[in-house]
C-alpha atoms as a PDB file:
ATOM      1  CA  UNK A   1      20.420 -12.111 -17.560  1.00  0.00           C
ATOM      2  CA  UNK A   2      19.385 -14.391 -14.692  1.00  0.00           C
ATOM      3  CA  UNK A   3      17.384 -17.385 -15.958  1.00  0.00           C
ATOM      4  CA  UNK A   4      14.084 -16.490 -14.290  1.00  0.00           C
ATOM      5  CA  UNK A   5      14.282 -12.949 -15.664  1.00  0.00           C
ATOM      6  CA  UNK A   6      14.931 -14.278 -19.172  1.00  0.00           C
ATOM      7  CA  UNK A   7      11.986 -16.665 -18.850  1.00  0.00           C
ATOM      8  CA  UNK A   8       9.744 -13.843 -17.633  1.00  0.00           C
ATOM      9  CA  UNK A   9      10.747 -11.476 -20.409  1.00  0.00           C
ATOM     10  CA  UNK A  10      10.336 -14.141 -23.107  1.00  0.00           C
ATOM     11  CA  UNK A  11       6.916 -15.143 -21.790  1.00  0.00           C
ATOM     12  CA  UNK A  12       5.477 -11.626 -21.700  1.00  0.00           C
ATOM     13  CA  UNK A  13       7.036 -10.585 -24.987  1.00  0.00           C
ATOM     14  CA  UNK A  14       5.143 -13.479 -26.576  1.00  0.00           C
ATOM     15  CA  UNK A  15       1.740 -12.923 -24.941  1.00  0.00           C
ATOM     16  CA  UNK A  16       1.607  -9.123 -24.569  1.00  0.00           C
ATOM     17  CA  UNK A  17      -1.167  -8.338 -27.054  1.00  0.00           C
ATOM     18  CA  UNK A  18      -3.353 -11.294 -26.026  1.00  0.00           C
ATOM     19  CA  UNK A  19      -2.784 -10.560 -22.337  1.00  0.00           C
ATOM     20  CA  UNK A  20      -3.672  -6.909 -22.848  1.00  0.00           C
ATOM     21  CA  UNK A  21      -6.893  -7.755 -24.647  1.00  0.00           C
ATOM     22  CA  UNK A  22      -7.907 -10.420 -22.112  1.00  0.00           C
ATOM     23  CA  UNK A  23      -7.479  -8.144 -19.097  1.00  0.00           C
ATOM     24  CA  UNK A  24      -8.346  -4.809 -20.702  1.00  0.00           C
ATOM     25  CA  UNK A  25     -11.205  -3.921 -18.339  1.00  0.00           C
ATOM     26  CA  UNK A  26     -10.007  -5.823 -15.284  1.00  0.00           C
ATOM     27  CA  UNK A  27      -9.825  -2.861 -12.885  1.00  0.00           C
ATOM     28  CA  UNK A  28     -13.298  -1.696 -13.909  1.00  0.00           C
ATOM     29  CA  UNK A  29     -14.786  -4.903 -12.480  1.00  0.00           C
ATOM     30  CA  UNK A  30     -12.685  -4.984  -9.285  1.00  0.00           C
ATOM     31  CA  UNK A  31     -13.835  -2.365  -6.771  1.00  0.00           C
ATOM     32  CA  UNK A  32     -11.655  -3.708  -3.957  1.00  0.00           C
ATOM     33  CA  UNK A  33      -8.511  -3.341  -6.082  1.00  0.00           C
ATOM     34  CA  UNK A  34      -9.534   0.206  -6.990  1.00  0.00           C
ATOM     35  CA  UNK A  35     -10.079   0.950  -3.299  1.00  0.00           C
ATOM     36  CA  UNK A  36      -6.600  -0.340  -2.411  1.00  0.00           C
ATOM     37  CA  UNK A  37      -5.044   1.740  -5.186  1.00  0.00           C
ATOM     38  CA  UNK A  38      -7.005   4.773  -4.002  1.00  0.00           C
ATOM     39  CA  UNK A  39      -5.828   4.301  -0.420  1.00  0.00           C
ATOM     40  CA  UNK A  40      -2.261   3.929  -1.617  1.00  0.00           C
ATOM     41  CA  UNK A  41      -2.468   7.108  -3.710  1.00  0.00           C
ATOM     42  CA  UNK A  42      -3.794   9.000  -0.684  1.00  0.00           C
ATOM     43  CA  UNK A  43      -0.980   7.726   1.526  1.00  0.00           C
ATOM     44  CA  UNK A  44       1.665   8.759  -1.022  1.00  0.00           C
ATOM     45  CA  UNK A  45       0.021  12.136  -1.563  1.00  0.00           C
ATOM     46  CA  UNK A  46      -0.907  14.119  -4.657  1.00  0.00           C
ATOM     47  CA  UNK A  47       2.055  14.653  -6.953  1.00  0.00           C
ATOM     48  CA  UNK A  48       4.126  11.980  -5.226  1.00  0.00           C
ATOM     49  CA  UNK A  49       6.774  10.366  -7.411  1.00  0.00           C
ATOM     50  CA  UNK A  50       5.927   6.662  -7.805  1.00  0.00           C
ATOM     51  CA  UNK A  51       7.372   3.811  -9.873  1.00  0.00           C
ATOM     52  CA  UNK A  52       5.142   0.942 -11.013  1.00  0.00           C
ATOM     53  CA  UNK A  53       7.672  -1.890 -11.214  1.00  0.00           C
ATOM     54  CA  UNK A  54       6.767  -4.728 -13.549  1.00  0.00           C
ATOM     55  CA  UNK A  55       4.032  -2.513 -14.956  1.00  0.00           C
ATOM     56  CA  UNK A  56       3.023  -4.804 -17.838  1.00  0.00           C
ATOM     57  CA  UNK A  57       0.499  -3.096 -20.142  1.00  0.00           C
ATOM     58  CA  UNK A  58       0.275  -0.127 -17.784  1.00  0.00           C
ATOM     59  CA  UNK A  59      -3.312  -0.414 -16.562  1.00  0.00           C
ATOM     60  CA  UNK A  60      -2.460   0.113 -12.898  1.00  0.00           C
ATOM     61  CA  UNK A  61       0.122   2.735 -13.900  1.00  0.00           C
ATOM     62  CA  UNK A  62      -2.485   4.751 -15.747  1.00  0.00           C
ATOM     63  CA  UNK A  63      -4.963   4.400 -12.894  1.00  0.00           C
ATOM     64  CA  UNK A  64      -2.489   5.851 -10.385  1.00  0.00           C
ATOM     65  CA  UNK A  65      -1.677   8.644 -12.809  1.00  0.00           C
ATOM     66  CA  UNK A  66      -5.352   9.557 -12.973  1.00  0.00           C
ATOM     67  CA  UNK A  67      -5.389   9.617  -9.159  1.00  0.00           C
ATOM     68  CA  UNK A  68      -2.845  12.440  -9.202  1.00  0.00           C
ATOM     69  CA  UNK A  69       0.504  10.683  -8.751  1.00  0.00           C
ATOM     70  CA  UNK A  70       3.664  11.466 -10.713  1.00  0.00           C
ATOM     71  CA  UNK A  71       3.910   7.917 -12.035  1.00  0.00           C
ATOM     72  CA  UNK A  72       6.389   6.080 -14.211  1.00  0.00           C
ATOM     73  CA  UNK A  73       6.446   2.438 -15.315  1.00  0.00           C
ATOM     74  CA  UNK A  74       9.225  -0.126 -15.624  1.00  0.00           C
ATOM     75  CA  UNK A  75       9.057  -3.559 -17.242  1.00  0.00           C
ATOM     76  CA  UNK A  76      11.299  -6.290 -18.651  1.00  0.00           C
ATOM     77  CA  UNK A  77       9.110  -6.848 -21.701  1.00  0.00           C
ATOM     78  CA  UNK A  78       9.424  -4.449 -24.623  1.00  0.00           C
ATOM     79  CA  UNK A  79       6.186  -5.856 -26.031  1.00  0.00           C
ATOM     80  CA  UNK A  80       4.310  -5.050 -22.829  1.00  0.00           C
ATOM     81  CA  UNK A  81       5.847  -1.589 -22.808  1.00  0.00           C
ATOM     82  CA  UNK A  82       4.645  -1.013 -26.357  1.00  0.00           C
ATOM     83  CA  UNK A  83       1.081  -1.594 -25.156  1.00  0.00           C
ATOM     84  CA  UNK A  84       1.620   0.587 -22.062  1.00  0.00           C
ATOM     85  CA  UNK A  85       2.974   3.495 -24.129  1.00  0.00           C
ATOM     86  CA  UNK A  86       0.183   3.168 -26.675  1.00  0.00           C
ATOM     87  CA  UNK A  87      -2.520   3.281 -23.998  1.00  0.00           C
ATOM     88  CA  UNK A  88      -0.881   5.869 -21.709  1.00  0.00           C
ATOM     89  CA  UNK A  89       0.827   8.426 -23.967  1.00  0.00           C
ATOM     90  CA  UNK A  90       1.412  10.923 -21.167  1.00  0.00           C
ATOM     91  CA  UNK A  91       3.282   8.535 -18.862  1.00  0.00           C
ATOM     92  CA  UNK A  92       7.001   7.657 -19.154  1.00  0.00           C
ATOM     93  CA  UNK A  93       7.778   3.938 -19.382  1.00  0.00           C
ATOM     94  CA  UNK A  94      11.242   2.427 -19.120  1.00  0.00           C
ATOM     95  CA  UNK A  95      12.672  -0.922 -20.143  1.00  0.00           C
ATOM     96  CA  UNK A  96      14.546  -2.612 -17.323  1.00  0.00           C
ATOM     97  CA  UNK A  97      14.639  -4.990 -14.389  1.00  0.00           C
ATOM     98  CA  UNK A  98      13.316  -4.564 -10.855  1.00  0.00           C
ATOM     99  CA  UNK A  99      16.728  -5.860  -9.749  1.00  0.00           C
ATOM    100  CA  UNK A 100      18.566  -2.955 -11.408  1.00  0.00           C
ATOM    101  CA  UNK A 101      16.399   0.088 -10.802  1.00  0.00           C
ATOM    102  CA  UNK A 102      17.123   3.277 -12.791  1.00  0.00           C
ATOM    103  CA  UNK A 103      16.216   5.457  -9.803  1.00  0.00           C
ATOM    104  CA  UNK A 104      18.562   7.081  -7.331  1.00  0.00           C
ATOM    105  CA  UNK A 105      18.412   5.896  -3.737  1.00  0.00           C
ATOM    106  CA  UNK A 106      15.792   7.781  -1.768  1.00  0.00           C
ATOM    107  CA  UNK A 107      14.285   9.368  -4.881  1.00  0.00           C
ATOM    108  CA  UNK A 108      10.787   7.806  -4.868  1.00  0.00           C
ATOM    109  CA  UNK A 109       7.774   8.567  -2.700  1.00  0.00           C
ATOM    110  CA  UNK A 110       6.198   5.266  -3.677  1.00  0.00           C
ATOM    111  CA  UNK A 111       6.988   1.893  -5.201  1.00  0.00           C
ATOM    112  CA  UNK A 112       4.249  -0.391  -6.499  1.00  0.00           C
ATOM    113  CA  UNK A 113       4.833  -4.062  -7.278  1.00  0.00           C
ATOM    114  CA  UNK A 114       1.384  -5.069  -8.590  1.00  0.00           C
ATOM    115  CA  UNK A 115       1.534  -8.850  -9.145  1.00  0.00           C
ATOM    116  CA  UNK A 116       5.070  -8.457 -10.497  1.00  0.00           C
ATOM    117  CA  UNK A 117       6.995 -10.299  -7.769  1.00  0.00           C
ATOM    118  CA  UNK A 118       5.162 -13.531  -8.641  1.00  0.00           C
ATOM    119  CA  UNK A 119       7.918 -14.866 -10.910  1.00  0.00           C
ATOM    120  CA  UNK A 120      10.749 -14.097  -8.477  1.00  0.00           C
ATOM    121  CA  UNK A 121      12.127 -17.207  -6.716  1.00  0.00           C
ATOM    122  CA  UNK A 122      11.913 -17.083  -2.931  1.00  0.00           C
ATOM    123  CA  UNK A 123      15.703 -16.767  -2.349  1.00  0.00           C
ATOM    124  CA  UNK A 124      15.735 -13.612  -4.505  1.00  0.00           C
ATOM    125  CA  UNK A 125      12.938 -11.805  -2.651  1.00  0.00           C
ATOM    126  CA  UNK A 126      15.155 -10.223   0.059  1.00  0.00           C
ATOM    127  CA  UNK A 127      17.338  -8.651  -2.634  1.00  0.00           C
ATOM    128  CA  UNK A 128      14.255  -7.435  -4.488  1.00  0.00           C
ATOM    129  CA  UNK A 129      12.746  -5.844  -1.392  1.00  0.00           C
ATOM    130  CA  UNK A 130      16.068  -4.266  -0.423  1.00  0.00           C
ATOM    131  CA  UNK A 131      16.117  -2.500  -3.790  1.00  0.00           C
ATOM    132  CA  UNK A 132      12.593  -1.200  -3.198  1.00  0.00           C
ATOM    133  CA  UNK A 133      13.593   0.021   0.265  1.00  0.00           C
ATOM    134  CA  UNK A 134      16.679   1.820  -1.045  1.00  0.00           C
ATOM    135  CA  UNK A 135      14.760   3.558  -3.841  1.00  0.00           C
ATOM    136  CA  UNK A 136      12.151   4.972  -1.437  1.00  0.00           C
ATOM    137  CA  UNK A 137      12.605   8.198   0.414  1.00  0.00           C
ATOM    138  CA  UNK A 138      12.233   7.880   4.214  1.00  0.00           C
ATOM    139  CA  UNK A 139       8.498   7.869   4.792  1.00  0.00           C
ATOM    140  CA  UNK A 140       7.830   6.447   1.306  1.00  0.00           C
ATOM    141  CA  UNK A 141       5.260   3.713   0.719  1.00  0.00           C
ATOM    142  CA  UNK A 142       5.344   0.302  -0.942  1.00  0.00           C
ATOM    143  CA  UNK A 143       2.290  -1.479  -2.372  1.00  0.00           C
ATOM    144  CA  UNK A 144       2.684  -5.192  -3.033  1.00  0.00           C
ATOM    145  CA  UNK A 145       0.004  -7.404  -4.640  1.00  0.00           C
ATOM    146  CA  UNK A 146       0.163 -11.165  -5.163  1.00  0.00           C
ATOM    147  CA  UNK A 147      -1.875 -14.383  -5.189  1.00  0.00           C
ATOM    148  CA  UNK A 148      -2.101 -16.271  -1.896  1.00  0.00           C
ATOM    149  CA  UNK A 149      -1.082 -19.908  -1.596  1.00  0.00           C
ATOM    150  CA  UNK A 150       1.691 -22.435  -1.220  1.00  0.00           C
ATOM    151  CA  UNK A 151       1.844 -24.132  -4.623  1.00  0.00           C
ATOM    152  CA  UNK A 152       2.741 -22.456  -7.935  1.00  0.00           C
ATOM    153  CA  UNK A 153       0.419 -22.454 -10.906  1.00  0.00           C
ATOM    154  CA  UNK A 154       2.036 -23.456 -14.190  1.00  0.00           C
ATOM    155  CA  UNK A 155       0.933 -21.771 -17.413  1.00  0.00           C
ATOM    156  CA  UNK A 156       1.931 -23.572 -20.601  1.00  0.00           C
ATOM    157  CA  UNK A 157       1.354 -22.288 -24.139  1.00  0.00           C
ATOM    158  CA  UNK A 158      -1.193 -19.548 -23.271  1.00  0.00           C
ATOM    159  CA  UNK A 159      -3.170 -18.386 -26.300  1.00  0.00           C
ATOM    160  CA  UNK A 160      -1.201 -20.934 -28.309  1.00  0.00           C
ATOM    161  CA  UNK A 161       2.197 -19.273 -27.823  1.00  0.00           C
ATOM    162  CA  UNK A 162       5.157 -21.671 -27.316  1.00  0.00           C
ATOM    163  CA  UNK A 163       6.110 -20.305 -23.875  1.00  0.00           C
ATOM    164  CA  UNK A 164       5.527 -21.326 -20.250  1.00  0.00           C
ATOM    165  CA  UNK A 165       5.932 -19.812 -16.796  1.00  0.00           C
ATOM    166  CA  UNK A 166       5.110 -20.448 -13.129  1.00  0.00           C
ATOM    167  CA  UNK A 167       3.003 -18.031 -11.084  1.00  0.00           C
ATOM    168  CA  UNK A 168       4.420 -18.256  -7.550  1.00  0.00           C
ATOM    169  CA  UNK A 169       1.902 -17.848  -4.745  1.00  0.00           C
ATOM    170  CA  UNK A 170       2.878 -16.616  -1.276  1.00  0.00           C
ATOM    171  CA  UNK A 171       1.454 -16.324   2.215  1.00  0.00           C
ATOM    172  CA  UNK A 172       0.884 -12.741   3.431  1.00  0.00           C
ATOM    173  CA  UNK A 173       2.572 -13.396   6.756  1.00  0.00           C
ATOM    174  CA  UNK A 174       5.663 -14.708   4.955  1.00  0.00           C
ATOM    175  CA  UNK A 175       5.886 -11.637   2.744  1.00  0.00           C
ATOM    176  CA  UNK A 176       5.300  -9.329   5.713  1.00  0.00           C
ATOM    177  CA  UNK A 177       8.147 -10.972   7.618  1.00  0.00           C
ATOM    178  CA  UNK A 178      10.515 -10.462   4.682  1.00  0.00           C
ATOM    179  CA  UNK A 179       9.498  -6.820   4.348  1.00  0.00           C
ATOM    180  CA  UNK A 180      10.022  -6.200   8.063  1.00  0.00           C
ATOM    181  CA  UNK A 181      13.438  -7.891   7.906  1.00  0.00           C
ATOM    182  CA  UNK A 182      14.307  -5.502   5.075  1.00  0.00           C
ATOM    183  CA  UNK A 183      13.443  -2.511   7.255  1.00  0.00           C
ATOM    184  CA  UNK A 184       9.843  -1.776   6.275  1.00  0.00           C
ATOM    185  CA  UNK A 185       7.051  -1.047   8.727  1.00  0.00           C
ATOM    186  CA  UNK A 186       3.770  -2.749   7.837  1.00  0.00           C
ATOM    187  CA  UNK A 187       0.699  -0.532   7.514  1.00  0.00           C
ATOM    188  CA  UNK A 188      -2.040  -2.760   6.152  1.00  0.00           C
ATOM    189  CA  UNK A 189      -2.907  -6.234   4.909  1.00  0.00           C
ATOM    190  CA  UNK A 190      -5.965  -6.786   2.698  1.00  0.00           C
ATOM    191  CA  UNK A 191      -6.923 -10.269   1.497  1.00  0.00           C
ATOM    192  CA  UNK A 192      -9.918 -10.936  -0.725  1.00  0.00           C
ATOM    193  CA  UNK A 193     -11.454 -14.236  -1.721  1.00  0.00           C
ATOM    194  CA  UNK A 194     -11.248 -15.631  -5.286  1.00  0.00           C
ATOM    195  CA  UNK A 195     -13.496 -14.058  -7.905  1.00  0.00           C
ATOM    196  CA  UNK A 196     -14.944 -15.604 -11.050  1.00  0.00           C
ATOM    197  CA  UNK A 197     -12.446 -18.154 -12.434  1.00  0.00           C
ATOM    198  CA  UNK A 198      -9.712 -17.439  -9.876  1.00  0.00           C
ATOM    199  CA  UNK A 199      -8.456 -20.317  -7.745  1.00  0.00           C
ATOM    200  CA  UNK A 200      -6.819 -18.510  -4.834  1.00  0.00           C
ATOM    201  CA  UNK A 201      -7.278 -15.420  -2.635  1.00  0.00           C
ATOM    202  CA  UNK A 202      -5.363 -12.248  -3.469  1.00  0.00           C
ATOM    203  CA  UNK A 203      -3.327 -10.173  -1.020  1.00  0.00           C
ATOM    204  CA  UNK A 204      -2.472  -6.469  -0.972  1.00  0.00           C
ATOM    205  CA  UNK A 205       0.192  -5.254   1.452  1.00  0.00           C
ATOM    206  CA  UNK A 206       1.106  -1.636   2.147  1.00  0.00           C
ATOM    207  CA  UNK A 207       4.375  -0.971   3.938  1.00  0.00           C
ATOM    208  CA  UNK A 208       6.377   2.138   4.743  1.00  0.00           C
ATOM    209  CA  UNK A 209      10.052   2.952   4.891  1.00  0.00           C
ATOM    210  CA  UNK A 210      10.458   4.557   8.331  1.00  0.00           C
ATOM    211  CA  UNK A 211      11.459   8.210   8.603  1.00  0.00           C
END
């Protein structure tokens, strides 16, 4: 497994239960995020087949399921998936990498990458986005969320666990350019200011694979 994928898996396997408890009610306190997810669900359409890639504990996965989408989750971390399955018993969750998707080309109406591209090095992003593009049916929609900025934030020994990882921040215009180079058409860009203890703005991009 590529080094950054191994680091990501090891990190989230170690912190899964603490992470899940810390962010258990996060969506309940974030109306803008819920609005973006609602818009995305409406664009995909009721019953649309969507994959939440890098789904973590499955909070966003479950939310989209409750909005009427045919949702499935995928994550590198078995520990995160254990939480996701426990909290969302009616949703299928799969162990795997965003770089090796278990979906046939053109089989998805939607792909969501909700803060899960933030550990992918910049040179690997075109390959990541190409996989998203291939998995979507023509007319399918991508939702991408990430922190805005130029410098990474390093997390070392969270909750006392002997692991560390970098959270890579991006500029919306940079990510949009990569998506357009991959063949996506941009539909919307939403950027909100930091909340509570956050240090940077957050961006939410919606793009579409052309018909």
